[in-house]
């Protein structure tokens, strides 16, 4: 089923339920790292932990592009941490479809030009999922996606 990206301009909420995403540090089992969008979901710690019983989530995505978009997905049984991660990867992969990439002289960043989403300065493999903020509203649940690079 194709994803529908709807422009979204509300400010992020001040509170909500924070879902964190980590992978184990192979060199130190007391330390974890944020999961890369190119990591397999099997690396994710606590992937099966249920995060919400809502059967429909509206993901709010934007970074590394400049505008925010709402993308709604459904699930028969709610969403666990692994489901959230897989949807974030699917949504961001769609944002990079058809993009062109150019090196930027004297910088580690890459100029990314997406035909639908504009300009970014990071490839998808540069991005990590830090957390998702679940904003439960009376008529919907928004899942605010926070990426780092």
Protein backbone atom coordinates (compact mmCIF):
# COMPACT_ATOMS: atom_id res chain seq x y z
CA UNK A 1 0.00 0.00 0.00
CA UNK A 2 1.56 3.35 -1.00
CA UNK A 3 2.24 5.93 1.66
CA UNK A 4 0.44 9.27 1.60
CA UNK A 5 2.47 12.26 2.80
CA UNK A 6 0.32 15.17 4.00
CA UNK A 7 1.97 18.52 4.87
CA UNK A 8 1.85 19.07 8.64
CA UNK A 9 2.59 22.35 10.40
CA UNK A 10 1.62 21.91 14.06
CA UNK A 11 4.36 22.40 16.68
CA UNK A 12 5.58 19.32 18.51
CA UNK A 13 3.85 18.66 21.83
CA UNK A 14 5.41 19.49 25.17
CA UNK A 15 4.65 16.03 26.56
CA UNK A 16 3.72 12.51 25.57
CA UNK A 17 4.98 8.95 25.87
CA UNK A 18 8.63 8.67 24.77
CA UNK A 19 9.68 5.44 23.06
CA UNK A 20 13.46 5.02 22.83
CA UNK A 21 15.33 2.89 20.29
CA UNK A 22 18.66 1.26 21.12
CA UNK A 23 21.07 -1.39 19.94
CA UNK A 24 23.65 -3.06 22.13
CA UNK A 25 27.25 -1.91 22.08
CA UNK A 26 29.17 -5.03 21.04
CA UNK A 27 32.19 -3.87 23.05
CA UNK A 28 30.41 -2.97 26.30
CA UNK A 29 27.12 -4.58 27.32
CA UNK A 30 26.43 -1.72 29.76
CA UNK A 31 26.23 0.80 26.91
CA UNK A 32 23.78 1.18 24.03
CA UNK A 33 23.60 3.20 20.83
CA UNK A 34 20.75 4.71 18.83
CA UNK A 35 19.74 2.43 15.96
CA UNK A 36 20.68 3.41 12.42
CA UNK A 37 17.91 3.49 9.81
CA UNK A 38 19.97 0.98 7.85
CA UNK A 39 20.35 -1.50 10.73
CA UNK A 40 18.25 -4.66 10.62
CA UNK A 41 15.31 -4.54 13.05
CA UNK A 42 16.66 -7.69 14.72
CA UNK A 43 19.42 -5.58 16.32
CA UNK A 44 16.86 -3.48 18.18
CA UNK A 45 16.67 -4.05 21.95
CA UNK A 46 13.18 -4.88 23.29
CA UNK A 47 11.74 -4.99 19.75
CA UNK A 48 8.67 -6.94 20.92
CA UNK A 49 7.72 -4.50 23.68
CA UNK A 50 4.22 -3.14 23.03
CA UNK A 51 4.30 0.68 22.77
CA UNK A 52 0.64 1.41 22.04
CA UNK A 53 -2.55 -0.54 21.53
CA UNK A 54 -3.77 2.07 19.04
CA UNK A 55 -4.43 0.42 15.68
CA UNK A 56 -3.75 3.59 13.69
CA UNK A 57 -0.79 5.95 14.08
CA UNK A 58 0.01 9.13 12.26
CA UNK A 59 3.77 9.48 12.01
CA UNK A 60 5.06 13.05 11.92
CA UNK A 61 8.31 13.11 9.95
CA UNK A 62 10.50 15.80 8.46
CA UNK A 63 14.18 15.82 9.36
CA UNK A 64 16.51 15.69 7.51
CA UNK A 65 14.24 17.59 5.11
CA UNK A 66 12.90 21.02 6.06
CA UNK A 67 9.13 20.43 6.13
CA UNK A 68 7.03 18.11 8.29
CA UNK A 69 4.61 15.55 6.89
CA UNK A 70 1.98 13.28 8.42
CA UNK A 71 1.89 9.65 7.28
CA UNK A 72 -0.84 7.39 8.66
CA UNK A 73 -0.41 3.63 9.01
CA UNK A 74 -2.65 0.91 10.40
CA UNK A 75 -1.96 -2.22 12.43
CA UNK A 76 -4.46 -4.83 13.57
CA UNK A 77 -2.77 -5.37 16.95
CA UNK A 78 -1.23 -2.04 17.90
CA UNK A 79 2.46 -1.26 17.60
CA UNK A 80 5.52 -2.66 19.30
CA UNK A 81 8.97 -1.06 19.18
CA UNK A 82 9.98 -3.16 16.15
CA UNK A 83 6.83 -2.11 14.27
CA UNK A 84 7.54 1.57 14.96
CA UNK A 85 11.12 1.17 13.71
CA UNK A 86 10.08 -0.65 10.52
CA UNK A 87 7.50 2.05 9.72
CA UNK A 88 10.01 4.86 10.31
CA UNK A 89 12.46 3.15 7.94
CA UNK A 90 9.75 2.55 5.31
CA UNK A 91 8.57 6.17 5.48
CA UNK A 92 12.08 7.63 5.25
CA UNK A 93 13.05 5.25 2.46
CA UNK A 94 10.08 6.61 0.49
CA UNK A 95 11.28 10.16 1.15
CA UNK A 96 14.62 9.32 -0.48
CA UNK A 97 13.09 7.67 -3.58
CA UNK A 98 14.32 9.36 -6.74
CA UNK A 99 16.75 11.59 -4.85
CA UNK A 100 20.08 12.69 -6.28
CA UNK A 101 23.22 12.83 -4.17
CA UNK A 102 26.22 15.16 -4.46
CA UNK A 103 29.32 15.41 -2.32
CA UNK A 104 29.88 18.76 -0.60
CA UNK A 105 33.45 19.96 -0.83
CA UNK A 106 35.29 20.03 2.53
CA UNK A 107 32.31 18.55 4.42
CA UNK A 108 31.32 15.03 5.44
CA UNK A 109 27.69 15.82 4.58
CA UNK A 110 26.04 14.96 1.29
CA UNK A 111 23.69 17.22 -0.65
CA UNK A 112 20.45 15.28 -1.17
CA UNK A 113 17.82 16.58 -3.59
CA UNK A 114 14.49 14.75 -3.31
CA UNK A 115 11.96 15.43 -6.07
CA UNK A 116 9.12 15.46 -3.50
CA UNK A 117 10.69 16.66 -0.26
CA UNK A 118 13.38 19.15 -1.23
CA UNK A 119 16.91 19.41 0.08
CA UNK A 120 18.60 17.50 2.88
CA UNK A 121 22.23 17.19 3.93
CA UNK A 122 22.33 13.58 5.10
CA UNK A 123 21.92 10.25 3.32
CA UNK A 124 19.54 7.78 4.93
CA UNK A 125 22.51 5.71 6.15
CA UNK A 126 23.68 8.74 8.17
CA UNK A 127 20.47 8.81 10.23
CA UNK A 128 19.70 7.21 13.59
CA UNK A 129 16.34 6.90 15.29
CA UNK A 130 16.62 8.58 18.67
CA UNK A 131 13.03 8.30 19.83
CA UNK A 132 9.36 8.58 18.98
CA UNK A 133 7.02 10.72 21.06
CA UNK A 134 3.49 9.29 21.17
CA UNK A 135 0.93 12.09 21.45
CA UNK A 136 -2.41 10.49 22.35
CA UNK A 137 -5.25 12.76 21.28
CA UNK A 138 -8.99 12.11 21.55
CA UNK A 139 -9.34 11.40 17.82
CA UNK A 140 -5.87 10.13 16.84
CA UNK A 141 -2.40 9.17 18.03
CA UNK A 142 0.51 11.12 16.58
CA UNK A 143 3.95 9.51 16.55
CA UNK A 144 6.54 12.30 16.38
CA UNK A 145 9.77 10.90 14.94
CA UNK A 146 13.08 12.31 16.17
CA UNK A 147 16.17 11.45 14.14
CA UNK A 148 19.80 12.29 14.65
CA UNK A 149 22.74 12.17 12.31
